[in-house]
Amino acid sequence: MHRKVFASKVYERKVVLITGGCAGIGRALVLRFAQAGARLVILDLQQDELDSLLQHLADHHHVEAMGLCCDVADAVAVQEAVALAMERFGGIDVLVNNAGVSHRSTFADTDLEVFQRVMAVNYFGALNCTKAVLPSLIARHGQIIVLSSLSGFAPLLYRSAYNASKHALHGLFETLRYEIKGSGVNVMLVCPGFTATDLRKNALVGDAGLAPSPPLAMGRVASAHDVAEEVYRAALKRKRLLVLSNVNWRARLLARYFPWLFERALLPRISGIKPGRGGR
């Protein structure tokens, strides 16, 4: 009982900044931290969606929250947004780097613009936010939570830019964890399995247009709510790595130790290619 009561108070009045907070896992995390009594800073691209979410939080959760329209790929815009958050709340306790974009196209058919945009949002977006917030996190012994992916340790076909951005996140934040060891800041990388979000629906294609990816060919598709709950519980324990779904641990094991078996048995299916189907 005492442990449960303590856990319910961990994030009360803490300031949690979540990027890409209006949809999918980001929105689910906003609601989960709101339930825990946190004060929220939400970054997203659409002001009307931010306004709607803020109204929902005011009506149903009665927590302090601010929504800021911000492209995390823009370092100056991020610094300005963080300055506004610091002015209102005095500091940041938890940073959730969630904003992301995906694509689906072969390397040969993917324009350079797509690689640049995916890396700008997925990698430099997280870098920009962490750079801006890190002094406050160190002062408050806070947390950095980074939403990575299955593709952070195992490739997915037709997602070379996305895969590269997730590998880059692991390289950056695993290094940062060692550099700030002893500061009291927890760095947790989260690798969700297949999740029902708009990321797949809004995937870029080779010419930088938008087109939905086909349904996933295998694995249980988790809800954003379930993923957010797992992330929240892992954050309470200040874990370093959270890998979700049975597909992920199999992919991780096979990709590392039995790459030939991974390529033959798992890679086509986790990339969304059904048996007997060779196209994109």
Protein backbone atom coordinates (compact mmCIF):
# COMPACT_ATOMS: atom_id res chain seq x y z
CA MET A 1 0.00 0.00 0.00
CA HIS A 2 2.74 2.49 0.94
CA ARG A 3 4.63 1.69 -2.25
CA LYS A 4 1.51 2.28 -4.39
CA VAL A 5 0.76 5.56 -2.66
CA PHE A 6 4.36 6.70 -3.15
CA ALA A 7 4.34 5.72 -6.82
CA SER A 8 1.16 7.71 -7.40
CA LYS A 9 2.88 10.85 -6.08
CA VAL A 10 6.18 10.63 -7.96
CA TYR A 11 5.16 12.94 -10.81
CA GLU A 12 2.70 15.14 -8.92
CA ARG A 13 3.49 18.78 -9.77
CA LYS A 14 6.51 17.68 -11.81
CA VAL A 15 6.92 19.43 -15.17
CA VAL A 16 6.83 17.02 -18.10
CA LEU A 17 7.59 18.19 -21.65
CA ILE A 18 6.30 15.87 -24.38
CA THR A 19 6.97 16.39 -28.09
CA GLY A 20 4.48 15.22 -30.68
CA GLY A 21 1.94 15.22 -27.87
CA CYS A 22 -1.34 15.55 -29.76
CA ALA A 23 -1.66 12.07 -31.25
CA GLY A 24 -0.72 8.44 -30.80
CA ILE A 25 1.71 7.49 -28.08
CA GLY A 26 2.47 11.14 -27.39
CA ARG A 27 -1.16 11.96 -26.57
CA ALA A 28 -1.49 8.80 -24.49
CA LEU A 29 1.59 9.83 -22.50
CA VAL A 30 0.17 13.32 -21.99
CA LEU A 31 -2.99 11.80 -20.51
CA ARG A 32 -1.06 9.30 -18.37
CA PHE A 33 1.17 11.95 -16.83
CA ALA A 34 -1.88 14.17 -16.36
CA GLN A 35 -3.48 11.36 -14.35
CA ALA A 36 -0.35 11.35 -12.20
CA GLY A 37 -0.78 15.06 -11.45
CA ALA A 38 2.10 16.36 -13.58
CA ARG A 39 2.20 19.82 -15.09
CA LEU A 40 2.53 19.50 -18.85
CA VAL A 41 4.28 21.22 -21.72
CA ILE A 42 3.09 19.85 -25.06
CA LEU A 43 4.87 20.54 -28.33
CA ASP A 44 3.18 19.79 -31.65
CA LEU A 45 2.71 21.23 -35.12
CA GLN A 46 -1.04 21.91 -35.16
CA GLN A 47 -2.35 24.72 -32.97
CA ASP A 48 -5.99 23.63 -33.24
CA GLU A 49 -5.11 20.13 -32.03
CA LEU A 50 -3.11 21.62 -29.17
CA ASP A 51 -6.04 23.81 -28.18
CA SER A 52 -8.40 20.83 -28.23
CA LEU A 53 -6.08 18.75 -26.08
CA LEU A 54 -5.57 21.59 -23.59
CA GLN A 55 -9.33 21.95 -23.28
CA HIS A 56 -9.67 18.21 -22.63
CA LEU A 57 -6.99 18.37 -19.94
CA ALA A 58 -8.71 21.32 -18.27
CA ASP A 59 -12.13 19.67 -18.37
CA HIS A 60 -11.16 16.16 -17.30
CA HIS A 61 -7.84 16.27 -15.44
CA HIS A 62 -7.62 19.75 -13.90
CA VAL A 63 -3.87 19.98 -14.41
CA GLU A 64 -1.73 22.92 -15.49
CA ALA A 65 -0.70 22.58 -19.11
CA MET A 66 0.59 24.69 -21.95
CA GLY A 67 0.62 23.80 -25.63
CA LEU A 68 3.19 25.30 -27.96
CA CYS A 69 3.18 25.04 -31.74
CA CYS A 70 6.75 24.02 -32.52
CA ASP A 71 8.65 22.06 -35.17
CA VAL A 72 11.26 20.20 -33.14
CA ALA A 73 13.53 20.12 -36.21
CA ASP A 74 13.93 23.90 -35.81
CA ALA A 75 16.53 24.42 -33.07
CA VAL A 76 15.68 28.10 -32.61
CA ALA A 77 11.97 27.36 -32.30
CA VAL A 78 12.72 24.69 -29.71
CA GLN A 79 14.85 27.08 -27.67
CA GLU A 80 12.08 29.67 -27.74
CA ALA A 81 9.45 27.10 -26.71
CA VAL A 82 11.60 25.84 -23.83
CA ALA A 83 12.22 29.42 -22.70
CA LEU A 84 8.45 29.98 -22.52
CA ALA A 85 7.99 26.76 -20.56
CA MET A 86 10.79 27.70 -18.16
CA GLU A 87 9.28 31.16 -17.68
CA ARG A 88 5.91 29.67 -16.73
CA PHE A 89 6.95 26.61 -14.72
CA GLY A 90 10.49 27.40 -13.59
CA GLY A 91 12.07 24.26 -14.99
CA ILE A 92 11.59 20.87 -16.64
CA ASP A 93 11.70 17.58 -14.74
CA VAL A 94 10.98 15.10 -17.53
CA LEU A 95 11.60 15.34 -21.27
CA VAL A 96 9.80 12.86 -23.53
CA ASN A 97 11.28 12.88 -27.04
CA ASN A 98 8.33 11.37 -28.89
CA ALA A 99 7.89 13.39 -32.10
CA GLY A 100 8.64 11.34 -35.19
CA VAL A 101 7.96 10.74 -38.85
CA SER A 102 8.27 7.59 -40.94
CA HIS A 103 8.53 6.69 -44.63
CA ARG A 104 8.09 3.68 -46.86
CA SER A 105 10.16 3.44 -50.04
CA THR A 106 13.30 1.72 -51.25
CA PHE A 107 16.61 3.47 -50.72
CA ALA A 108 17.04 3.89 -54.49
CA ASP A 109 13.61 5.49 -54.86
CA THR A 110 13.85 7.79 -51.85
CA ASP A 111 14.70 11.44 -52.49
CA LEU A 112 17.40 13.06 -50.40
CA GLU A 113 14.73 15.41 -49.05
CA VAL A 114 13.03 12.47 -47.32
CA PHE A 115 16.25 11.36 -45.61
CA GLN A 116 16.84 14.93 -44.46
CA ARG A 117 13.31 15.41 -43.11
CA VAL A 118 13.20 12.07 -41.28
CA MET A 119 16.58 12.71 -39.68
CA ALA A 120 15.66 16.32 -38.91
CA VAL A 121 12.56 15.30 -36.93
CA ASN A 122 13.50 11.93 -35.44
CA TYR A 123 17.14 12.58 -34.59
CA PHE A 124 17.82 16.31 -34.56
CA GLY A 125 14.40 16.97 -33.01
CA ALA A 126 15.36 14.88 -30.00
CA LEU A 127 18.84 16.41 -29.97
CA ASN A 128 17.45 19.98 -30.11
CA CYS A 129 15.03 19.40 -27.26
CA THR A 130 17.60 17.63 -25.10
CA LYS A 131 20.16 20.38 -25.64
CA ALA A 132 17.66 23.02 -24.61
CA VAL A 133 16.34 21.19 -21.55
CA LEU A 134 19.44 19.39 -20.21
CA PRO A 135 20.60 22.09 -17.75
CA SER A 136 17.20 22.04 -16.05
CA LEU A 137 17.11 18.24 -16.01
CA ILE A 138 20.52 18.11 -14.34
CA ALA A 139 19.50 20.72 -11.77
CA ARG A 140 16.35 18.72 -10.97
CA HIS A 141 17.80 15.17 -11.27
CA GLY A 142 15.24 14.58 -13.98
CA GLN A 143 14.59 12.11 -16.76
CA ILE A 144 14.95 11.84 -20.52
CA ILE A 145 12.61 9.39 -22.24
CA VAL A 146 13.32 8.67 -25.90
CA LEU A 147 10.81 6.89 -28.13
CA SER A 148 12.86 4.69 -30.43
CA SER A 149 11.65 1.58 -32.26
CA LEU A 150 12.13 -2.06 -33.09
CA SER A 151 14.24 -0.71 -35.95
CA GLY A 152 16.66 0.74 -33.41
CA PHE A 153 18.28 -2.69 -33.27
CA ALA A 154 16.78 -4.61 -36.22
CA PRO A 155 16.25 -3.30 -39.78
CA LEU A 156 12.89 -2.95 -41.50
CA LEU A 157 12.68 -3.09 -45.29
CA TYR A 158 11.83 0.12 -47.18
CA ARG A 159 12.55 2.30 -44.17
CA SER A 160 16.25 3.05 -44.52
CA ALA A 161 15.91 6.68 -43.42
CA TYR A 162 13.70 5.75 -40.46
CA ASN A 163 16.02 2.91 -39.43
CA ALA A 164 19.03 5.21 -39.64
CA SER A 165 17.36 7.85 -37.46
CA LYS A 166 16.54 5.31 -34.75
CA HIS A 167 20.06 3.86 -34.75
CA ALA A 168 21.34 7.43 -34.42
CA LEU A 169 19.10 7.98 -31.38
CA HIS A 170 20.61 4.96 -29.64
CA GLY A 171 24.12 6.15 -30.39
CA LEU A 172 23.39 9.65 -29.10
CA PHE A 173 21.53 8.81 -25.92
CA GLU A 174 23.62 5.82 -24.88
CA THR A 175 26.65 8.10 -25.11
CA LEU A 176 24.88 10.91 -23.26
CA ARG A 177 23.92 8.50 -20.47
CA TYR A 178 27.59 7.79 -19.79
CA GLU A 179 28.63 11.42 -20.08
CA ILE A 180 26.13 12.57 -17.46
CA LYS A 181 26.56 9.59 -15.18
CA GLY A 182 26.47 10.83 -11.60
CA SER A 183 24.27 13.83 -12.45
CA GLY A 184 21.13 12.07 -11.24
CA VAL A 185 19.51 12.22 -14.70
CA ASN A 186 17.92 9.01 -15.94
CA VAL A 187 18.03 8.28 -19.69
CA MET A 188 15.56 5.67 -20.92
CA LEU A 189 15.28 4.42 -24.49
CA VAL A 190 11.88 2.94 -25.35
CA CYS A 191 11.46 0.49 -28.22
CA PRO A 192 7.74 -0.15 -28.77
CA GLY A 193 6.44 -2.94 -30.93
CA PHE A 194 3.78 -2.43 -33.56
CA THR A 195 1.42 0.24 -32.25
CA ALA A 196 -1.85 1.60 -33.59
CA THR A 197 -0.93 5.24 -34.28
CA ASP A 198 -1.10 7.71 -37.16
CA LEU A 199 2.62 7.29 -37.87
CA ARG A 200 1.96 4.53 -40.41
CA LYS A 201 -1.02 6.40 -41.87
CA ASN A 202 1.08 9.54 -42.46
CA ALA A 203 4.25 7.88 -43.75
CA LEU A 204 6.29 9.68 -46.37
CA VAL A 205 7.04 8.03 -49.69
CA GLY A 206 10.09 8.38 -51.90
CA ASP A 207 9.16 11.74 -53.42
CA ALA A 208 8.28 13.22 -50.00
CA GLY A 209 4.54 12.84 -50.54
CA LEU A 210 2.25 11.17 -48.00
CA ALA A 211 0.75 7.71 -48.32
CA PRO A 212 -0.44 5.16 -45.74
CA SER A 213 1.67 2.05 -45.29
CA PRO A 214 -0.10 -1.31 -45.69
CA PRO A 215 -1.31 -3.18 -42.60
CA LEU A 216 1.36 -4.96 -40.60
CA ALA A 217 1.85 -8.60 -41.51
CA MET A 218 2.58 -10.05 -38.09
CA GLY A 219 2.64 -9.40 -34.39
CA ARG A 220 0.11 -8.07 -31.93
CA VAL A 221 -0.65 -4.42 -32.55
CA ALA A 222 -0.66 -2.60 -29.21
CA SER A 223 -2.79 0.40 -28.39
CA ALA A 224 -1.12 3.72 -27.70
CA HIS A 225 -2.73 3.61 -24.24
CA ASP A 226 -1.05 0.29 -23.41
CA VAL A 227 2.34 1.52 -24.61
CA ALA A 228 2.00 4.72 -22.58
CA GLU A 229 1.18 2.73 -19.46
CA GLU A 230 4.28 0.56 -19.92
CA VAL A 231 6.44 3.65 -20.49
CA TYR A 232 5.02 5.29 -17.38
CA ARG A 233 5.70 2.25 -15.20
CA ALA A 234 9.24 1.95 -16.56
CA ALA A 235 9.82 5.67 -15.92
CA LEU A 236 8.78 5.17 -12.29
CA LYS A 237 11.54 2.54 -12.03
CA ARG A 238 13.97 4.80 -13.94
CA LYS A 239 14.86 2.02 -16.36
CA ARG A 240 17.54 2.43 -19.01
CA LEU A 241 15.83 0.42 -21.77
CA LEU A 242 12.24 -0.66 -22.35
CA VAL A 243 11.61 -3.17 -25.14
CA LEU A 244 7.96 -4.00 -25.74
CA SER A 245 6.24 -6.99 -27.43
CA ASN A 246 7.36 -10.55 -28.07
CA VAL A 247 8.11 -9.74 -31.71
CA ASN A 248 10.78 -7.30 -30.58
CA TRP A 249 12.82 -9.63 -28.41
CA ARG A 250 12.80 -12.28 -31.13
CA ALA A 251 13.86 -9.74 -33.75
CA ARG A 252 16.55 -8.36 -31.47
CA LEU A 253 17.97 -11.80 -30.69
CA LEU A 254 17.90 -13.08 -34.26
CA ALA A 255 19.21 -9.86 -35.85
CA ARG A 256 22.21 -9.85 -33.53
CA TYR A 257 23.17 -13.50 -33.27
CA PHE A 258 21.53 -15.20 -36.25
CA PRO A 259 21.29 -12.54 -38.99
CA TRP A 260 20.75 -15.08 -41.76
CA LEU A 261 17.75 -16.52 -39.93
CA PHE A 262 16.41 -13.05 -39.17
CA GLU A 263 16.60 -12.08 -42.86
CA ARG A 264 14.84 -15.26 -43.92
CA ALA A 265 12.23 -15.73 -41.20
CA LEU A 266 11.35 -12.36 -39.72
CA LEU A 267 12.53 -9.44 -41.86
CA PRO A 268 9.91 -9.66 -44.63
CA ARG A 269 6.99 -10.09 -42.24
CA ILE A 270 7.91 -7.39 -39.71
CA SER A 271 8.47 -5.07 -42.69
CA GLY A 272 4.84 -5.54 -43.68
CA ILE A 273 5.36 -8.02 -46.51
CA LYS A 274 2.93 -10.91 -46.45
CA PRO A 275 4.02 -14.39 -47.55
CA GLY A 276 4.16 -14.68 -51.30
CA ARG A 277 4.24 -10.92 -51.74
CA GLY A 278 7.41 -9.30 -52.97
CA GLY A 279 6.27 -5.78 -53.69
CA ARG A 280 6.20 -2.62 -51.59
